[in-house]
Amino acid sequence: MEEYLNLISVPAIAAVVYWVINLIKYCVGENEKFKRFIPLIATGLGIICGVICYFCIPSIISADNVLIAIVIGGASGLTATGANQIIKQLTKSDTDETDETKK
């Protein structure tokens, strides 16, 4: 059972970071300067979540030291950004593409 808990850390951190970023985007609005910093913010949130998991729930993250927890958390944060882009690209319609080519 503990082996399965080690596998859940990356998707759990990515899900938390994904929803926190969406909440922040909703509160900030359509700010272009903020959108440029989303991957950096997601990485920072992932690092924070990784360190929290390392100290509070050590059985959920497969890290031997804090540095590995930081790397796992940062990668999970970037995974959230990638998941957001995948969803965005898959839900983009053909009319969106033609509107952008006219600009």
C-alpha atoms as a PDB file:
ATOM      1  CA  MET A   1       0.000   0.000   0.000  1.00  0.00           C
ATOM      2  CA  GLU A   2       2.827   2.416   0.765  1.00  0.00           C
ATOM      3  CA  GLU A   3       4.225   1.961  -2.750  1.00  0.00           C
ATOM      4  CA  TYR A   4       0.995   3.364  -4.164  1.00  0.00           C
ATOM      5  CA  LEU A   5       1.173   6.387  -1.870  1.00  0.00           C
ATOM      6  CA  ASN A   6       4.544   7.304  -3.383  1.00  0.00           C
ATOM      7  CA  LEU A   7       2.953   7.433  -6.843  1.00  0.00           C
ATOM      8  CA  ILE A   8       0.214   9.840  -5.832  1.00  0.00           C
ATOM      9  CA  SER A   9       2.419  12.772  -4.795  1.00  0.00           C
ATOM     10  CA  VAL A  10       3.027  14.229  -8.264  1.00  0.00           C
ATOM     11  CA  PRO A  11      -0.599  14.192  -9.469  1.00  0.00           C
ATOM     12  CA  ALA A  12      -1.851  15.423  -6.087  1.00  0.00           C
ATOM     13  CA  ILE A  13       0.550  18.381  -6.044  1.00  0.00           C
ATOM     14  CA  ALA A  14      -0.196  19.121  -9.704  1.00  0.00           C
ATOM     15  CA  ALA A  15      -3.951  19.144  -9.019  1.00  0.00           C
ATOM     16  CA  VAL A  16      -3.577  21.482  -6.047  1.00  0.00           C
ATOM     17  CA  VAL A  17      -1.349  23.867  -7.991  1.00  0.00           C
ATOM     18  CA  TYR A  18      -3.684  23.749 -11.028  1.00  0.00           C
ATOM     19  CA  TRP A  19      -6.696  24.806  -8.984  1.00  0.00           C
ATOM     20  CA  VAL A  20      -4.819  27.458  -7.018  1.00  0.00           C
ATOM     21  CA  ILE A  21      -3.536  28.988 -10.272  1.00  0.00           C
ATOM     22  CA  ASN A  22      -7.062  28.960 -11.723  1.00  0.00           C
ATOM     23  CA  LEU A  23      -8.364  30.646  -8.579  1.00  0.00           C
ATOM     24  CA  ILE A  24      -5.656  33.307  -8.811  1.00  0.00           C
ATOM     25  CA  LYS A  25      -6.406  33.840 -12.523  1.00  0.00           C
ATOM     26  CA  TYR A  26     -10.085  34.293 -11.681  1.00  0.00           C
ATOM     27  CA  CYS A  27      -9.269  36.875  -8.994  1.00  0.00           C
ATOM     28  CA  VAL A  28      -6.699  38.792 -11.052  1.00  0.00           C
ATOM     29  CA  GLY A  29      -8.627  38.793 -14.315  1.00  0.00           C
ATOM     30  CA  GLU A  30      -7.200  39.151 -17.808  1.00  0.00           C
ATOM     31  CA  ASN A  31      -3.853  40.643 -16.876  1.00  0.00           C
ATOM     32  CA  GLU A  32      -1.191  39.943 -19.509  1.00  0.00           C
ATOM     33  CA  LYS A  33       1.710  40.616 -17.138  1.00  0.00           C
ATOM     34  CA  PHE A  34       0.354  38.021 -14.716  1.00  0.00           C
ATOM     35  CA  LYS A  35      -0.073  35.439 -17.479  1.00  0.00           C
ATOM     36  CA  ARG A  36       3.638  35.609 -18.273  1.00  0.00           C
ATOM     37  CA  PHE A  37       4.518  34.647 -14.702  1.00  0.00           C
ATOM     38  CA  ILE A  38       2.087  31.726 -14.350  1.00  0.00           C
ATOM     39  CA  PRO A  39       4.745  28.991 -14.901  1.00  0.00           C
ATOM     40  CA  LEU A  40       7.044  30.633 -12.357  1.00  0.00           C
ATOM     41  CA  ILE A  41       4.231  30.951  -9.806  1.00  0.00           C
ATOM     42  CA  ALA A  42       3.160  27.347 -10.441  1.00  0.00           C
ATOM     43  CA  THR A  43       6.730  26.163  -9.890  1.00  0.00           C
ATOM     44  CA  GLY A  44       6.950  28.109  -6.638  1.00  0.00           C
ATOM     45  CA  LEU A  45       3.625  26.730  -5.409  1.00  0.00           C
ATOM     46  CA  GLY A  46       4.760  23.221  -6.340  1.00  0.00           C
ATOM     47  CA  ILE A  47       7.997  23.663  -4.401  1.00  0.00           C
ATOM     48  CA  ILE A  48       6.056  24.839  -1.358  1.00  0.00           C
ATOM     49  CA  CYS A  49       3.681  21.865  -1.630  1.00  0.00           C
ATOM     50  CA  GLY A  50       6.603  19.463  -2.042  1.00  0.00           C
ATOM     51  CA  VAL A  51       8.341  20.750   1.086  1.00  0.00           C
ATOM     52  CA  ILE A  52       5.078  20.667   3.065  1.00  0.00           C
ATOM     53  CA  CYS A  53       4.476  17.079   1.963  1.00  0.00           C
ATOM     54  CA  TYR A  54       8.042  16.135   2.875  1.00  0.00           C
ATOM     55  CA  PHE A  55       7.736  17.403   6.428  1.00  0.00           C
ATOM     56  CA  CYS A  56       4.037  16.804   7.175  1.00  0.00           C
ATOM     57  CA  ILE A  57       3.215  13.675   5.158  1.00  0.00           C
ATOM     58  CA  PRO A  58       6.552  11.945   4.458  1.00  0.00           C
ATOM     59  CA  SER A  59       4.898   8.691   3.363  1.00  0.00           C
ATOM     60  CA  ILE A  60       3.230  10.361   0.359  1.00  0.00           C
ATOM     61  CA  ILE A  61       6.369  11.743  -1.302  1.00  0.00           C
ATOM     62  CA  SER A  62       9.267   9.547  -2.342  1.00  0.00           C
ATOM     63  CA  ALA A  63      12.082  11.891  -1.361  1.00  0.00           C
ATOM     64  CA  ASP A  64      15.166  11.074   0.685  1.00  0.00           C
ATOM     65  CA  ASN A  65      15.961  14.717   1.459  1.00  0.00           C
ATOM     66  CA  VAL A  66      14.494  18.206   1.106  1.00  0.00           C
ATOM     67  CA  LEU A  67      16.288  18.921  -2.175  1.00  0.00           C
ATOM     68  CA  ILE A  68      14.573  15.994  -3.885  1.00  0.00           C
ATOM     69  CA  ALA A  69      11.234  17.135  -2.426  1.00  0.00           C
ATOM     70  CA  ILE A  70      11.866  20.588  -3.899  1.00  0.00           C
ATOM     71  CA  VAL A  71      12.590  19.113  -7.338  1.00  0.00           C
ATOM     72  CA  ILE A  72       9.521  16.855  -7.213  1.00  0.00           C
ATOM     73  CA  GLY A  73       7.341  19.781  -6.125  1.00  0.00           C
ATOM     74  CA  GLY A  74       8.709  22.108  -8.804  1.00  0.00           C
ATOM     75  CA  ALA A  75       8.209  19.507 -11.514  1.00  0.00           C
ATOM     76  CA  SER A  76       4.675  18.918 -10.270  1.00  0.00           C
ATOM     77  CA  GLY A  77       3.967  22.648 -10.487  1.00  0.00           C
ATOM     78  CA  LEU A  78       5.188  22.737 -14.064  1.00  0.00           C
ATOM     79  CA  THR A  79       3.033  19.673 -14.753  1.00  0.00           C
ATOM     80  CA  ALA A  80       0.013  21.720 -13.710  1.00  0.00           C
ATOM     81  CA  THR A  81       0.951  24.403 -16.242  1.00  0.00           C
ATOM     82  CA  GLY A  82       1.340  21.785 -18.960  1.00  0.00           C
ATOM     83  CA  ALA A  83      -2.004  20.221 -18.088  1.00  0.00           C
ATOM     84  CA  ASN A  84      -3.623  23.628 -18.344  1.00  0.00           C
ATOM     85  CA  GLN A  85      -2.169  24.141 -21.822  1.00  0.00           C
ATOM     86  CA  ILE A  86      -3.261  20.670 -22.974  1.00  0.00           C
ATOM     87  CA  ILE A  87      -6.829  21.338 -21.863  1.00  0.00           C
ATOM     88  CA  LYS A  88      -6.749  24.778 -23.463  1.00  0.00           C
ATOM     89  CA  GLN A  89      -5.496  23.434 -26.810  1.00  0.00           C
ATOM     90  CA  LEU A  90      -7.937  20.519 -26.874  1.00  0.00           C
ATOM     91  CA  THR A  91     -10.938  22.750 -26.199  1.00  0.00           C
ATOM     92  CA  LYS A  92      -9.899  25.377 -28.746  1.00  0.00           C
ATOM     93  CA  SER A  93     -12.342  25.462 -31.631  1.00  0.00           C
ATOM     94  CA  ASP A  94     -11.599  26.008 -35.312  1.00  0.00           C
ATOM     95  CA  THR A  95     -13.214  29.457 -35.214  1.00  0.00           C
ATOM     96  CA  ASP A  96     -10.666  30.566 -32.605  1.00  0.00           C
ATOM     97  CA  GLU A  97      -7.836  29.603 -34.949  1.00  0.00           C
ATOM     98  CA  THR A  98      -9.318  31.485 -37.915  1.00  0.00           C
ATOM     99  CA  ASP A  99      -9.868  34.593 -35.769  1.00  0.00           C
ATOM    100  CA  GLU A 100      -6.216  34.596 -34.689  1.00  0.00           C
ATOM    101  CA  THR A 101      -4.940  34.235 -38.275  1.00  0.00           C
ATOM    102  CA  LYS A 102      -6.949  37.288 -39.366  1.00  0.00           C
ATOM    103  CA  LYS A 103      -5.171  39.529 -36.834  1.00  0.00           C
END
